[in-house]
Amino acid sequence: MKLIPCPLNGLRNVNEFAYGGDVLEMPATSASDDAWIDYIFTRENKAGLVREWWFHIPTSYWFILERDTVTDTVIRSYPADQVFSRRIDFPPRRES
């Protein structure tokens, strides 16, 4: 059984989690649709150390996990507020 170290809940079965993608710098809220499409859908699929978003489904808790994709070894996990200091509020979507 593979375990993931959740910063909120401790070691938990991998089946309790959903992968959320790489931790990337987000485009400006005023960025073009193409920039947002690239941010959301383009993945590098890098071999080696990566920082990823993970979601603990039972508690609705998002956190960051660092792991080696070559060996699938978890290096560490930590709350997102260790990287992100503020919440970003998006303006209402403009009609086309």
PDB file of N, CA and C in Angstrom:
ATOM      1  N   MET A   1       0.846  -1.179   0.000  1.00  0.00           N
ATOM      2  CA  MET A   1       0.000   0.000   0.000  1.00  0.00           C
ATOM      3  C   MET A   1       0.889   1.238   0.000  1.00  0.00           C
ATOM      4  N   LYS A   2       0.655   2.137  -0.947  1.00  0.00           N
ATOM      5  CA  LYS A   2       1.419   3.378  -1.042  1.00  0.00           C
ATOM      6  C   LYS A   2       0.782   4.426  -0.134  1.00  0.00           C
ATOM      7  N   LEU A   3       1.623   5.105   0.633  1.00  0.00           N
ATOM      8  CA  LEU A   3       1.158   6.128   1.554  1.00  0.00           C
ATOM      9  C   LEU A   3       1.674   7.498   1.122  1.00  0.00           C
ATOM     10  N   ILE A   4       0.863   8.520   1.346  1.00  0.00           N
ATOM     11  CA  ILE A   4       1.253   9.896   1.068  1.00  0.00           C
ATOM     12  C   ILE A   4       1.220  10.659   2.387  1.00  0.00           C
ATOM     13  N   PRO A   5       2.280  11.452   2.667  1.00  0.00           N
ATOM     14  CA  PRO A   5       2.298  12.227   3.911  1.00  0.00           C
ATOM     15  C   PRO A   5       1.517  13.538   3.758  1.00  0.00           C
ATOM     16  N   CYS A   6       0.304  13.566   4.231  1.00  0.00           N
ATOM     17  CA  CYS A   6      -0.521  14.771   4.181  1.00  0.00           C
ATOM     18  C   CYS A   6      -0.123  15.675   5.350  1.00  0.00           C
ATOM     19  N   PRO A   7       0.151  16.955   5.105  1.00  0.00           N
ATOM     20  CA  PRO A   7       0.541  17.844   6.205  1.00  0.00           C
ATOM     21  C   PRO A   7      -0.558  18.027   7.252  1.00  0.00           C
ATOM     22  N   LEU A   8      -1.806  17.826   6.872  1.00  0.00           N
ATOM     23  CA  LEU A   8      -2.915  18.000   7.800  1.00  0.00           C
ATOM     24  C   LEU A   8      -3.272  16.700   8.521  1.00  0.00           C
ATOM     25  N   ASN A   9      -3.214  15.562   7.793  1.00  0.00           N
ATOM     26  CA  ASN A   9      -3.736  14.299   8.316  1.00  0.00           C
ATOM     27  C   ASN A   9      -2.701  13.212   8.536  1.00  0.00           C
ATOM     28  N   GLY A  10      -1.433  13.472   8.276  1.00  0.00           N
ATOM     29  CA  GLY A  10      -0.401  12.453   8.446  1.00  0.00           C
ATOM     30  C   GLY A  10      -0.385  11.478   7.276  1.00  0.00           C
ATOM     31  N   LEU A  11       0.231  10.336   7.479  1.00  0.00           N
ATOM     32  CA  LEU A  11       0.322   9.333   6.415  1.00  0.00           C
ATOM     33  C   LEU A  11      -1.047   8.742   6.116  1.00  0.00           C
ATOM     34  N   ARG A  12      -1.423   8.808   4.833  1.00  0.00           N
ATOM     35  CA  ARG A  12      -2.725   8.301   4.413  1.00  0.00           C
ATOM     36  C   ARG A  12      -2.556   7.496   3.131  1.00  0.00           C
ATOM     37  N   ASN A  13      -3.486   6.591   2.870  1.00  0.00           N
ATOM     38  CA  ASN A  13      -3.479   5.768   1.669  1.00  0.00           C
ATOM     39  C   ASN A  13      -3.616   6.657   0.431  1.00  0.00           C
ATOM     40  N   VAL A  14      -2.860   6.359  -0.610  1.00  0.00           N
ATOM     41  CA  VAL A  14      -2.870   7.150  -1.837  1.00  0.00           C
ATOM     42  C   VAL A  14      -4.263   7.253  -2.449  1.00  0.00           C
ATOM     43  N   ASN A  15      -5.128   6.280  -2.188  1.00  0.00           N
ATOM     44  CA  ASN A  15      -6.484   6.298  -2.737  1.00  0.00           C
ATOM     45  C   ASN A  15      -7.354   7.417  -2.173  1.00  0.00           C
ATOM     46  N   GLU A  16      -6.895   8.084  -1.110  1.00  0.00           N
ATOM     47  CA  GLU A  16      -7.643   9.193  -0.523  1.00  0.00           C
ATOM     48  C   GLU A  16      -7.319  10.521  -1.206  1.00  0.00           C
ATOM     49  N   PHE A  17      -6.444  10.506  -2.216  1.00  0.00           N
ATOM     50  CA  PHE A  17      -5.955  11.743  -2.814  1.00  0.00           C
ATOM     51  C   PHE A  17      -6.270  11.839  -4.297  1.00  0.00           C
ATOM     52  N   ALA A  18      -6.288  13.078  -4.770  1.00  0.00           N
ATOM     53  CA  ALA A  18      -6.382  13.365  -6.201  1.00  0.00           C
ATOM     54  C   ALA A  18      -5.198  14.257  -6.571  1.00  0.00           C
ATOM     55  N   TYR A  19      -4.558  13.943  -7.687  1.00  0.00           N
ATOM     56  CA  TYR A  19      -3.440  14.727  -8.202  1.00  0.00           C
ATOM     57  C   TYR A  19      -3.983  15.996  -8.833  1.00  0.00           C
ATOM     58  N   GLY A  20      -3.330  17.126  -8.574  1.00  0.00           N
ATOM     59  CA  GLY A  20      -3.824  18.401  -9.088  1.00  0.00           C
ATOM     60  C   GLY A  20      -2.926  19.089 -10.090  1.00  0.00           C
ATOM     61  N   GLY A  21      -1.813  18.465 -10.473  1.00  0.00           N
ATOM     62  CA  GLY A  21      -0.927  19.081 -11.464  1.00  0.00           C
ATOM     63  C   GLY A  21       0.292  19.723 -10.835  1.00  0.00           C
ATOM     64  N   ASP A  22       1.170  20.201 -11.699  1.00  0.00           N
ATOM     65  CA  ASP A  22       2.409  20.847 -11.252  1.00  0.00           C
ATOM     66  C   ASP A  22       2.115  22.189 -10.598  1.00  0.00           C
ATOM     67  N   VAL A  23       2.960  22.565  -9.636  1.00  0.00           N
ATOM     68  CA  VAL A  23       2.894  23.907  -9.062  1.00  0.00           C
ATOM     69  C   VAL A  23       3.639  24.813 -10.033  1.00  0.00           C
ATOM     70  N   LEU A  24       2.899  25.713 -10.666  1.00  0.00           N
ATOM     71  CA  LEU A  24       3.457  26.615 -11.673  1.00  0.00           C
ATOM     72  C   LEU A  24       3.126  28.050 -11.316  1.00  0.00           C
ATOM     73  N   GLU A  25       3.917  28.973 -11.853  1.00  0.00           N
ATOM     74  CA  GLU A  25       3.586  30.380 -11.675  1.00  0.00           C
ATOM     75  C   GLU A  25       2.364  30.694 -12.535  1.00  0.00           C
ATOM     76  N   MET A  26       1.377  31.293 -11.920  1.00  0.00           N
ATOM     77  CA  MET A  26       0.124  31.568 -12.604  1.00  0.00           C
ATOM     78  C   MET A  26       0.256  32.845 -13.444  1.00  0.00           C
ATOM     79  N   PRO A  27      -0.359  32.849 -14.629  1.00  0.00           N
ATOM     80  CA  PRO A  27      -0.353  34.076 -15.429  1.00  0.00           C
ATOM     81  C   PRO A  27      -1.134  35.187 -14.724  1.00  0.00           C
ATOM     82  N   ALA A  28      -0.918  36.413 -15.161  1.00  0.00           N
ATOM     83  CA  ALA A  28      -1.691  37.538 -14.629  1.00  0.00           C
ATOM     84  C   ALA A  28      -3.165  37.324 -14.933  1.00  0.00           C
ATOM     85  N   THR A  29      -4.029  37.835 -14.082  1.00  0.00           N
ATOM     86  CA  THR A  29      -5.465  37.660 -14.312  1.00  0.00           C
ATOM     87  C   THR A  29      -5.902  38.292 -15.631  1.00  0.00           C
ATOM     88  N   SER A  30      -5.125  39.234 -16.123  1.00  0.00           N
ATOM     89  CA  SER A  30      -5.458  39.888 -17.393  1.00  0.00           C
ATOM     90  C   SER A  30      -4.800  39.209 -18.598  1.00  0.00           C
ATOM     91  N   ALA A  31      -4.149  38.070 -18.398  1.00  0.00           N
ATOM     92  CA  ALA A  31      -3.454  37.369 -19.490  1.00  0.00           C
ATOM     93  C   ALA A  31      -4.449  36.900 -20.554  1.00  0.00           C
ATOM     94  N   SER A  32      -3.909  36.633 -21.726  1.00  0.00           N
ATOM     95  CA  SER A  32      -4.746  36.186 -22.846  1.00  0.00           C
ATOM     96  C   SER A  32      -5.316  34.793 -22.582  1.00  0.00           C
ATOM     97  N   ASP A  33      -6.358  34.460 -23.325  1.00  0.00           N
ATOM     98  CA  ASP A  33      -6.937  33.119 -23.224  1.00  0.00           C
ATOM     99  C   ASP A  33      -5.896  32.065 -23.574  1.00  0.00           C
ATOM    100  N   ASP A  34      -5.041  32.337 -24.566  1.00  0.00           N
ATOM    101  CA  ASP A  34      -3.997  31.380 -24.954  1.00  0.00           C
ATOM    102  C   ASP A  34      -3.021  31.128 -23.809  1.00  0.00           C
ATOM    103  N   ALA A  35      -2.658  32.159 -23.067  1.00  0.00           N
ATOM    104  CA  ALA A  35      -1.757  31.995 -21.920  1.00  0.00           C
ATOM    105  C   ALA A  35      -2.403  31.131 -20.855  1.00  0.00           C
ATOM    106  N   TRP A  36      -3.706  31.324 -20.612  1.00  0.00           N
ATOM    107  CA  TRP A  36      -4.415  30.514 -19.627  1.00  0.00           C
ATOM    108  C   TRP A  36      -4.573  29.072 -20.094  1.00  0.00           C
ATOM    109  N   ILE A  37      -4.839  28.885 -21.364  1.00  0.00           N
ATOM    110  CA  ILE A  37      -4.950  27.519 -21.910  1.00  0.00           C
ATOM    111  C   ILE A  37      -3.629  26.786 -21.735  1.00  0.00           C
ATOM    112  N   ASP A  38      -2.525  27.459 -22.024  1.00  0.00           N
ATOM    113  CA  ASP A  38      -1.196  26.861 -21.862  1.00  0.00           C
ATOM    114  C   ASP A  38      -0.939  26.517 -20.394  1.00  0.00           C
ATOM    115  N   TYR A  39      -1.284  27.425 -19.490  1.00  0.00           N
ATOM    116  CA  TYR A  39      -1.080  27.213 -18.052  1.00  0.00           C
ATOM    117  C   TYR A  39      -1.879  26.014 -17.544  1.00  0.00           C
ATOM    118  N   ILE A  40      -3.110  25.884 -17.994  1.00  0.00           N
ATOM    119  CA  ILE A  40      -3.987  24.830 -17.486  1.00  0.00           C
ATOM    120  C   ILE A  40      -3.705  23.468 -18.111  1.00  0.00           C
ATOM    121  N   PHE A  41      -3.427  23.428 -19.416  1.00  0.00           N
ATOM    122  CA  PHE A  41      -3.381  22.147 -20.114  1.00  0.00           C
ATOM    123  C   PHE A  41      -2.006  21.639 -20.523  1.00  0.00           C
ATOM    124  N   THR A  42      -0.994  22.505 -20.618  1.00  0.00           N
ATOM    125  CA  THR A  42       0.324  22.069 -21.070  1.00  0.00           C
ATOM    126  C   THR A  42       1.125  21.540 -19.885  1.00  0.00           C
ATOM    127  N   ARG A  43       1.663  20.341 -20.043  1.00  0.00           N
ATOM    128  CA  ARG A  43       2.464  19.717 -18.988  1.00  0.00           C
ATOM    129  C   ARG A  43       3.841  19.354 -19.517  1.00  0.00           C
ATOM    130  N   GLU A  44       4.854  19.555 -18.700  1.00  0.00           N
ATOM    131  CA  GLU A  44       6.232  19.290 -19.100  1.00  0.00           C
ATOM    132  C   GLU A  44       6.587  17.808 -18.975  1.00  0.00           C
ATOM    133  N   ASN A  45       5.971  17.093 -18.031  1.00  0.00           N
ATOM    134  CA  ASN A  45       6.263  15.678 -17.792  1.00  0.00           C
ATOM    135  C   ASN A  45       7.753  15.456 -17.534  1.00  0.00           C
ATOM    136  N   LYS A  46       8.271  16.240 -16.618  1.00  0.00           N
ATOM    137  CA  LYS A  46       9.694  16.270 -16.300  1.00  0.00           C
ATOM    138  C   LYS A  46      10.114  15.041 -15.493  1.00  0.00           C
ATOM    139  N   ALA A  47      11.274  14.495 -15.822  1.00  0.00           N
ATOM    140  CA  ALA A  47      11.858  13.411 -15.028  1.00  0.00           C
ATOM    141  C   ALA A  47      12.731  14.042 -13.948  1.00  0.00           C
ATOM    142  N   GLY A  48      12.495  13.641 -12.700  1.00  0.00           N
ATOM    143  CA  GLY A  48      13.284  14.182 -11.592  1.00  0.00           C
ATOM    144  C   GLY A  48      12.388  14.831 -10.560  1.00  0.00           C
ATOM    145  N   LEU A  49      12.933  15.796  -9.838  1.00  0.00           N
ATOM    146  CA  LEU A  49      12.225  16.444  -8.743  1.00  0.00           C
ATOM    147  C   LEU A  49      11.147  17.389  -9.274  1.00  0.00           C
ATOM    148  N   VAL A  50       9.917  17.222  -8.790  1.00  0.00           N
ATOM    149  CA  VAL A  50       8.801  18.088  -9.173  1.00  0.00           C
ATOM    150  C   VAL A  50       8.040  18.519  -7.922  1.00  0.00           C
ATOM    151  N   ARG A  51       7.363  19.672  -8.044  1.00  0.00           N
ATOM    152  CA  ARG A  51       6.441  20.143  -6.999  1.00  0.00           C
ATOM    153  C   ARG A  51       5.046  20.042  -7.581  1.00  0.00           C
ATOM    154  N   GLU A  52       4.151  19.368  -6.848  1.00  0.00           N
ATOM    155  CA  GLU A  52       2.816  19.086  -7.367  1.00  0.00           C
ATOM    156  C   GLU A  52       1.741  19.455  -6.351  1.00  0.00           C
ATOM    157  N   TRP A  53       0.575  19.801  -6.882  1.00  0.00           N
ATOM    158  CA  TRP A  53      -0.602  19.980  -6.058  1.00  0.00           C
ATOM    159  C   TRP A  53      -1.241  18.613  -5.806  1.00  0.00           C
ATOM    160  N   TRP A  54      -1.617  18.356  -4.551  1.00  0.00           N
ATOM    161  CA  TRP A  54      -2.365  17.158  -4.197  1.00  0.00           C
ATOM    162  C   TRP A  54      -3.540  17.566  -3.319  1.00  0.00           C
ATOM    163  N   PHE A  55      -4.626  16.819  -3.427  1.00  0.00           N
ATOM    164  CA  PHE A  55      -5.879  17.121  -2.742  1.00  0.00           C
ATOM    165  C   PHE A  55      -6.299  15.918  -1.915  1.00  0.00           C
ATOM    166  N   HIS A  56      -6.470  16.113  -0.610  1.00  0.00           N
ATOM    167  CA  HIS A  56      -6.970  15.047   0.253  1.00  0.00           C
ATOM    168  C   HIS A  56      -8.494  15.101   0.192  1.00  0.00           C
ATOM    169  N   ILE A  57      -9.086  14.116  -0.451  1.00  0.00           N
ATOM    170  CA  ILE A  57     -10.517  14.131  -0.769  1.00  0.00           C
ATOM    171  C   ILE A  57     -11.403  14.177   0.483  1.00  0.00           C
ATOM    172  N   PRO A  58     -11.168  13.335   1.514  1.00  0.00           N
ATOM    173  CA  PRO A  58     -12.085  13.355   2.660  1.00  0.00           C
ATOM    174  C   PRO A  58     -12.141  14.689   3.407  1.00  0.00           C
ATOM    175  N   THR A  59     -11.042  15.460   3.400  1.00  0.00           N
ATOM    176  CA  THR A  59     -11.028  16.723   4.150  1.00  0.00           C
ATOM    177  C   THR A  59     -11.010  17.958   3.248  1.00  0.00           C
ATOM    178  N   SER A  60     -11.008  17.768   1.921  1.00  0.00           N
ATOM    179  CA  SER A  60     -10.961  18.878   0.955  1.00  0.00           C
ATOM    180  C   SER A  60      -9.746  19.781   1.200  1.00  0.00           C
ATOM    181  N   TYR A  61      -8.611  19.166   1.458  1.00  0.00           N
ATOM    182  CA  TYR A  61      -7.392  19.908   1.799  1.00  0.00           C
ATOM    183  C   TYR A  61      -6.379  19.831   0.661  1.00  0.00           C
ATOM    184  N   TRP A  62      -6.003  20.998   0.126  1.00  0.00           N
ATOM    185  CA  TRP A  62      -4.966  21.087  -0.910  1.00  0.00           C
ATOM    186  C   TRP A  62      -3.617  21.323  -0.255  1.00  0.00           C
ATOM    187  N   PHE A  63      -2.577  20.684  -0.777  1.00  0.00           N
ATOM    188  CA  PHE A  63      -1.222  20.895  -0.277  1.00  0.00           C
ATOM    189  C   PHE A  63      -0.228  20.641  -1.406  1.00  0.00           C
ATOM    190  N   ILE A  64       1.034  20.924  -1.132  1.00  0.00           N
ATOM    191  CA  ILE A  64       2.094  20.734  -2.119  1.00  0.00           C
ATOM    192  C   ILE A  64       2.948  19.543  -1.708  1.00  0.00           C
ATOM    193  N   LEU A  65       3.257  18.708  -2.679  1.00  0.00           N
ATOM    194  CA  LEU A  65       4.082  17.526  -2.454  1.00  0.00           C
ATOM    195  C   LEU A  65       5.256  17.580  -3.423  1.00  0.00           C
ATOM    196  N   GLU A  66       6.453  17.352  -2.917  1.00  0.00           N
ATOM    197  CA  GLU A  66       7.635  17.253  -3.767  1.00  0.00           C
ATOM    198  C   GLU A  66       8.000  15.782  -3.877  1.00  0.00           C
ATOM    199  N   ARG A  67       8.233  15.335  -5.110  1.00  0.00           N
ATOM    200  CA  ARG A  67       8.602  13.934  -5.296  1.00  0.00           C
ATOM    201  C   ARG A  67       9.534  13.793  -6.489  1.00  0.00           C
ATOM    202  N   ASP A  68      10.231  12.685  -6.515  1.00  0.00           N
ATOM    203  CA  ASP A  68      11.105  12.328  -7.626  1.00  0.00           C
ATOM    204  C   ASP A  68      10.285  11.449  -8.567  1.00  0.00           C
ATOM    205  N   THR A  69      10.057  11.920  -9.789  1.00  0.00           N
ATOM    206  CA  THR A  69       9.223  11.165 -10.730  1.00  0.00           C
ATOM    207  C   THR A  69       9.929   9.944 -11.302  1.00  0.00           C
ATOM    208  N   VAL A  70      11.238   9.885 -11.188  1.00  0.00           N
ATOM    209  CA  VAL A  70      11.974   8.722 -11.691  1.00  0.00           C
ATOM    210  C   VAL A  70      11.778   7.527 -10.756  1.00  0.00           C
ATOM    211  N   THR A  71      11.875   7.772  -9.455  1.00  0.00           N
ATOM    212  CA  THR A  71      11.753   6.698  -8.466  1.00  0.00           C
ATOM    213  C   THR A  71      10.385   6.681  -7.777  1.00  0.00           C
ATOM    214  N   ASP A  72       9.558   7.702  -8.022  1.00  0.00           N
ATOM    215  CA  ASP A  72       8.263   7.900  -7.359  1.00  0.00           C
ATOM    216  C   ASP A  72       8.429   7.980  -5.846  1.00  0.00           C
ATOM    217  N   THR A  73       9.543   8.573  -5.416  1.00  0.00           N
ATOM    218  CA  THR A  73       9.820   8.756  -3.996  1.00  0.00           C
ATOM    219  C   THR A  73       9.330  10.124  -3.554  1.00  0.00           C
ATOM    220  N   VAL A  74       8.550  10.173  -2.486  1.00  0.00           N
ATOM    221  CA  VAL A  74       8.097  11.441  -1.929  1.00  0.00           C
ATOM    222  C   VAL A  74       9.247  12.042  -1.126  1.00  0.00           C
ATOM    223  N   ILE A  75       9.580  13.300  -1.422  1.00  0.00           N
ATOM    224  CA  ILE A  75      10.640  14.005  -0.700  1.00  0.00           C
ATOM    225  C   ILE A  75      10.057  14.673   0.538  1.00  0.00           C
ATOM    226  N   ARG A  76       8.980  15.450   0.335  1.00  0.00           N
ATOM    227  CA  ARG A  76       8.302  16.104   1.462  1.00  0.00           C
ATOM    228  C   ARG A  76       6.969  16.664   0.987  1.00  0.00           C
ATOM    229  N   SER A  77       6.129  17.019   1.954  1.00  0.00           N
ATOM    230  CA  SER A  77       4.866  17.690   1.655  1.00  0.00           C
ATOM    231  C   SER A  77       4.706  18.824   2.657  1.00  0.00           C
ATOM    232  N   TYR A  78       3.964  19.864   2.247  1.00  0.00           N
ATOM    233  CA  TYR A  78       3.792  21.027   3.115  1.00  0.00           C
ATOM    234  C   TYR A  78       2.561  21.814   2.690  1.00  0.00           C
ATOM    235  N   PRO A  79       2.024  22.625   3.618  1.00  0.00           N
ATOM    236  CA  PRO A  79       0.856  23.434   3.295  1.00  0.00           C
ATOM    237  C   PRO A  79       1.196  24.458   2.207  1.00  0.00           C
ATOM    238  N   ALA A  80       0.216  24.801   1.398  1.00  0.00           N
ATOM    239  CA  ALA A  80       0.419  25.745   0.298  1.00  0.00           C
ATOM    240  C   ALA A  80       0.808  27.135   0.782  1.00  0.00           C
ATOM    241  N   ASP A  81       0.427  27.500   2.004  1.00  0.00           N
ATOM    242  CA  ASP A  81       0.759  28.844   2.480  1.00  0.00           C
ATOM    243  C   ASP A  81       2.251  29.029   2.745  1.00  0.00           C
ATOM    244  N   GLN A  82       3.030  27.960   2.650  1.00  0.00           N
ATOM    245  CA  GLN A  82       4.481  28.108   2.737  1.00  0.00           C
ATOM    246  C   GLN A  82       5.057  28.651   1.428  1.00  0.00           C
ATOM    247  N   VAL A  83       4.272  28.599   0.358  1.00  0.00           N
ATOM    248  CA  VAL A  83       4.695  29.106  -0.947  1.00  0.00           C
ATOM    249  C   VAL A  83       3.866  30.322  -1.358  1.00  0.00           C
ATOM    250  N   PHE A  84       2.562  30.268  -1.093  1.00  0.00           N
ATOM    251  CA  PHE A  84       1.647  31.315  -1.526  1.00  0.00           C
ATOM    252  C   PHE A  84       1.166  32.101  -0.311  1.00  0.00           C
ATOM    253  N   SER A  85       1.435  33.406  -0.317  1.00  0.00           N
ATOM    254  CA  SER A  85       1.133  34.222   0.857  1.00  0.00           C
ATOM    255  C   SER A  85      -0.224  34.917   0.798  1.00  0.00           C
ATOM    256  N   ARG A  86      -0.866  34.899  -0.385  1.00  0.00           N
ATOM    257  CA  ARG A  86      -2.151  35.590  -0.474  1.00  0.00           C
ATOM    258  C   ARG A  86      -3.085  34.864  -1.431  1.00  0.00           C
ATOM    259  N   ARG A  87      -4.354  35.117  -1.237  1.00  0.00           N
ATOM    260  CA  ARG A  87      -5.388  34.561  -2.108  1.00  0.00           C
ATOM    261  C   ARG A  87      -5.549  35.480  -3.312  1.00  0.00           C
ATOM    262  N   ILE A  88      -5.805  34.908  -4.481  1.00  0.00           N
ATOM    263  CA  ILE A  88      -6.022  35.696  -5.686  1.00  0.00           C
ATOM    264  C   ILE A  88      -7.498  35.650  -6.037  1.00  0.00           C
ATOM    265  N   ASP A  89      -8.110  36.811  -6.102  1.00  0.00           N
ATOM    266  CA  ASP A  89      -9.510  36.908  -6.502  1.00  0.00           C
ATOM    267  C   ASP A  89      -9.557  37.336  -7.958  1.00  0.00           C
ATOM    268  N   PHE A  90     -10.285  36.587  -8.755  1.00  0.00           N
ATOM    269  CA  PHE A  90     -10.384  36.860 -10.179  1.00  0.00           C
ATOM    270  C   PHE A  90     -11.532  37.819 -10.467  1.00  0.00           C
ATOM    271  N   PRO A  91     -11.324  38.732 -11.417  1.00  0.00           N
ATOM    272  CA  PRO A  91     -12.427  39.617 -11.801  1.00  0.00           C
ATOM    273  C   PRO A  91     -13.495  38.822 -12.536  1.00  0.00           C
ATOM    274  N   PRO A  92     -14.710  39.344 -12.589  1.00  0.00           N
ATOM    275  CA  PRO A  92     -15.763  38.630 -13.353  1.00  0.00           C
ATOM    276  C   PRO A  92     -15.349  38.448 -14.801  1.00  0.00           C
ATOM    277  N   ARG A  93     -15.736  37.324 -15.371  1.00  0.00           N
ATOM    278  CA  ARG A  93     -15.395  37.035 -16.780  1.00  0.00           C
ATOM    279  C   ARG A  93     -16.099  38.027 -17.686  1.00  0.00           C
ATOM    280  N   ARG A  94     -15.339  38.554 -18.618  1.00  0.00           N
ATOM    281  CA  ARG A  94     -15.930  39.510 -19.572  1.00  0.00           C
ATOM    282  C   ARG A  94     -16.616  38.743 -20.694  1.00  0.00           C
ATOM    283  N   GLU A  95     -17.737  39.238 -21.111  1.00  0.00           N
ATOM    284  CA  GLU A  95     -18.503  38.614 -22.186  1.00  0.00           C
ATOM    285  C   GLU A  95     -17.836  38.886 -23.519  1.00  0.00           C
ATOM    286  N   SER A  96     -17.840  37.898 -24.414  1.00  0.00           N
ATOM    287  CA  SER A  96     -17.233  38.072 -25.749  1.00  0.00           C
ATOM    288  C   SER A  96     -18.217  38.644 -26.722  1.00  0.00           C
TER     289      SER A  96
END
